[in-house]
Amino acid sequence: MRGMSGIELAAIIAAEHNALPVIVITARSEPELEEKAIESGAACFLRKPIDAELLVTKLSAALQV
């Protein structure tokens, strides 16, 4: 994404549309990214490659909000 990180986008969405759950998915490995994503308002954080069952579980949980 040019000009903005996914975490920055998650923060904007959370601020403007707080009822819309955001799931941040990344291939980056920095350990602090998960904490930053959750602090930005993301409903959850997943790293690639994504386990299909975990994705379904996280999607179900995010849609229950």
N, C-alpha and C. Protein backbone atom coordinates (compact mmCIF):
# COMPACT_ATOMS: atom_id res chain seq x y z
N MET A 1 0.85 -1.15 0.00
CA MET A 1 0.00 0.00 0.00
C MET A 1 0.91 1.23 0.00
N ARG A 2 0.74 2.06 -0.95
CA ARG A 2 1.61 3.23 -1.08
C ARG A 2 1.17 4.37 -0.17
N GLY A 3 2.13 4.94 0.54
CA GLY A 3 1.88 6.13 1.33
C GLY A 3 1.28 5.89 2.70
N MET A 4 0.88 4.67 3.00
CA MET A 4 0.23 4.39 4.28
C MET A 4 0.41 2.91 4.61
N SER A 5 0.65 2.64 5.88
CA SER A 5 0.76 1.23 6.28
C SER A 5 -0.63 0.68 6.58
N GLY A 6 -0.74 -0.61 6.64
CA GLY A 6 -2.01 -1.24 7.00
C GLY A 6 -2.44 -0.86 8.40
N ILE A 7 -1.48 -0.68 9.29
CA ILE A 7 -1.79 -0.28 10.66
C ILE A 7 -2.34 1.14 10.68
N GLU A 8 -1.78 2.02 9.87
CA GLU A 8 -2.31 3.39 9.77
C GLU A 8 -3.73 3.37 9.21
N LEU A 9 -3.95 2.55 8.21
CA LEU A 9 -5.30 2.42 7.65
C LEU A 9 -6.27 1.87 8.67
N ALA A 10 -5.86 0.88 9.44
CA ALA A 10 -6.71 0.31 10.49
C ALA A 10 -7.11 1.38 11.50
N ALA A 11 -6.18 2.26 11.85
CA ALA A 11 -6.47 3.34 12.80
C ALA A 11 -7.49 4.31 12.23
N ILE A 12 -7.37 4.64 10.95
CA ILE A 12 -8.32 5.56 10.32
C ILE A 12 -9.71 4.92 10.27
N ILE A 13 -9.77 3.67 9.88
CA ILE A 13 -11.07 2.97 9.82
C ILE A 13 -11.69 2.89 11.20
N ALA A 14 -10.89 2.57 12.20
CA ALA A 14 -11.41 2.48 13.58
C ALA A 14 -11.94 3.82 14.05
N ALA A 15 -11.28 4.90 13.69
CA ALA A 15 -11.69 6.24 14.12
C ALA A 15 -12.96 6.70 13.40
N GLU A 16 -13.07 6.36 12.12
CA GLU A 16 -14.19 6.85 11.33
C GLU A 16 -15.38 5.90 11.26
N HIS A 17 -15.10 4.62 11.43
CA HIS A 17 -16.14 3.59 11.30
C HIS A 17 -15.92 2.52 12.36
N ASN A 18 -16.06 2.89 13.63
CA ASN A 18 -15.65 1.99 14.71
C ASN A 18 -16.43 0.69 14.76
N ALA A 19 -17.56 0.58 14.08
CA ALA A 19 -18.31 -0.67 14.07
C ALA A 19 -17.79 -1.65 13.01
N LEU A 20 -16.90 -1.19 12.15
CA LEU A 20 -16.36 -2.02 11.08
C LEU A 20 -15.10 -2.74 11.56
N PRO A 21 -15.15 -4.06 11.72
CA PRO A 21 -13.96 -4.77 12.19
C PRO A 21 -12.89 -4.85 11.11
N VAL A 22 -11.65 -4.67 11.51
CA VAL A 22 -10.51 -4.72 10.59
C VAL A 22 -9.59 -5.85 11.03
N ILE A 23 -9.20 -6.67 10.08
CA ILE A 23 -8.22 -7.72 10.33
C ILE A 23 -6.97 -7.34 9.56
N VAL A 24 -5.87 -7.17 10.27
CA VAL A 24 -4.60 -6.84 9.64
C VAL A 24 -3.88 -8.14 9.32
N ILE A 25 -3.47 -8.28 8.06
CA ILE A 25 -2.74 -9.47 7.60
C ILE A 25 -1.44 -8.99 6.98
N THR A 26 -0.33 -9.58 7.40
CA THR A 26 0.97 -9.15 6.90
C THR A 26 1.92 -10.33 6.73
N ALA A 27 2.91 -10.10 5.89
CA ALA A 27 4.01 -11.06 5.76
C ALA A 27 5.24 -10.57 6.50
N ARG A 28 5.14 -9.35 7.06
CA ARG A 28 6.27 -8.78 7.80
C ARG A 28 6.45 -9.51 9.12
N SER A 29 7.70 -9.52 9.60
CA SER A 29 8.01 -10.33 10.77
C SER A 29 8.34 -9.55 12.04
N GLU A 30 8.29 -8.22 11.99
CA GLU A 30 8.65 -7.45 13.18
C GLU A 30 7.73 -7.82 14.34
N PRO A 31 8.30 -8.15 15.50
CA PRO A 31 7.50 -8.63 16.62
C PRO A 31 6.52 -7.60 17.18
N GLU A 32 6.82 -6.31 17.05
CA GLU A 32 5.95 -5.29 17.63
C GLU A 32 4.72 -4.98 16.77
N LEU A 33 4.65 -5.51 15.57
CA LEU A 33 3.54 -5.17 14.67
C LEU A 33 2.19 -5.60 15.21
N GLU A 34 2.11 -6.76 15.82
CA GLU A 34 0.82 -7.22 16.34
C GLU A 34 0.28 -6.26 17.39
N GLU A 35 1.12 -5.87 18.33
CA GLU A 35 0.70 -4.94 19.37
C GLU A 35 0.25 -3.61 18.76
N LYS A 36 1.01 -3.10 17.80
CA LYS A 36 0.65 -1.84 17.15
C LYS A 36 -0.68 -1.96 16.41
N ALA A 37 -0.90 -3.09 15.75
CA ALA A 37 -2.15 -3.29 15.01
C ALA A 37 -3.35 -3.30 15.95
N ILE A 38 -3.25 -4.02 17.04
CA ILE A 38 -4.35 -4.08 18.01
C ILE A 38 -4.58 -2.72 18.64
N GLU A 39 -3.50 -2.02 18.97
CA GLU A 39 -3.63 -0.67 19.54
C GLU A 39 -4.28 0.30 18.56
N SER A 40 -4.10 0.06 17.26
CA SER A 40 -4.67 0.95 16.25
C SER A 40 -6.16 0.72 16.05
N GLY A 41 -6.68 -0.35 16.64
CA GLY A 41 -8.10 -0.62 16.52
C GLY A 41 -8.44 -1.88 15.74
N ALA A 42 -7.44 -2.60 15.26
CA ALA A 42 -7.69 -3.83 14.51
C ALA A 42 -8.36 -4.87 15.42
N ALA A 43 -9.30 -5.61 14.84
CA ALA A 43 -9.97 -6.67 15.59
C ALA A 43 -9.03 -7.84 15.84
N CYS A 44 -8.14 -8.09 14.88
CA CYS A 44 -7.13 -9.14 15.07
C CYS A 44 -6.00 -8.93 14.08
N PHE A 45 -4.98 -9.73 14.23
CA PHE A 45 -3.74 -9.62 13.46
C PHE A 45 -3.31 -11.01 13.07
N LEU A 46 -3.02 -11.21 11.78
CA LEU A 46 -2.56 -12.51 11.29
C LEU A 46 -1.31 -12.32 10.45
N ARG A 47 -0.43 -13.31 10.52
CA ARG A 47 0.77 -13.31 9.68
C ARG A 47 0.63 -14.36 8.58
N LYS A 48 1.18 -14.02 7.42
CA LYS A 48 1.21 -14.96 6.30
C LYS A 48 2.34 -15.95 6.52
N PRO A 49 2.25 -17.16 6.07
CA PRO A 49 1.08 -17.77 5.44
C PRO A 49 -0.02 -17.98 6.48
N ILE A 50 -1.25 -17.84 6.05
CA ILE A 50 -2.38 -17.89 6.96
C ILE A 50 -2.96 -19.30 6.99
N ASP A 51 -3.19 -19.76 8.21
CA ASP A 51 -3.87 -21.03 8.42
C ASP A 51 -5.37 -20.80 8.17
N ALA A 52 -5.96 -21.56 7.27
CA ALA A 52 -7.36 -21.35 6.88
C ALA A 52 -8.33 -21.45 8.06
N GLU A 53 -8.13 -22.41 8.93
CA GLU A 53 -9.01 -22.55 10.08
C GLU A 53 -8.91 -21.36 11.03
N LEU A 54 -7.71 -20.86 11.23
CA LEU A 54 -7.52 -19.69 12.08
C LEU A 54 -8.19 -18.46 11.46
N LEU A 55 -8.08 -18.32 10.15
CA LEU A 55 -8.72 -17.20 9.46
C LEU A 55 -10.23 -17.26 9.64
N VAL A 56 -10.82 -18.43 9.47
CA VAL A 56 -12.27 -18.59 9.65
C VAL A 56 -12.66 -18.24 11.09
N THR A 57 -11.88 -18.70 12.05
CA THR A 57 -12.16 -18.41 13.47
C THR A 57 -12.10 -16.90 13.72
N LYS A 58 -11.08 -16.24 13.19
CA LYS A 58 -10.92 -14.80 13.41
C LYS A 58 -12.02 -14.01 12.69
N LEU A 59 -12.39 -14.43 11.49
CA LEU A 59 -13.48 -13.77 10.77
C LEU A 59 -14.79 -13.91 11.53
N SER A 60 -15.06 -15.09 12.02
CA SER A 60 -16.29 -15.32 12.80
C SER A 60 -16.31 -14.44 14.03
N ALA A 61 -15.19 -14.37 14.74
CA ALA A 61 -15.12 -13.54 15.95
C ALA A 61 -15.29 -12.07 15.60
N ALA A 62 -14.66 -11.62 14.52
CA ALA A 62 -14.76 -10.20 14.14
C ALA A 62 -16.18 -9.83 13.75
N LEU A 63 -16.91 -10.73 13.14
CA LEU A 63 -18.28 -10.44 12.71
C LEU A 63 -19.29 -10.52 13.85
N GLN A 64 -18.88 -11.04 15.00
CA GLN A 64 -19.75 -11.11 16.16
C GLN A 64 -19.79 -9.78 16.91
N VAL A 65 -18.89 -8.88 16.58
CA VAL A 65 -18.78 -7.59 17.30
C VAL A 65 -20.02 -6.76 17.12
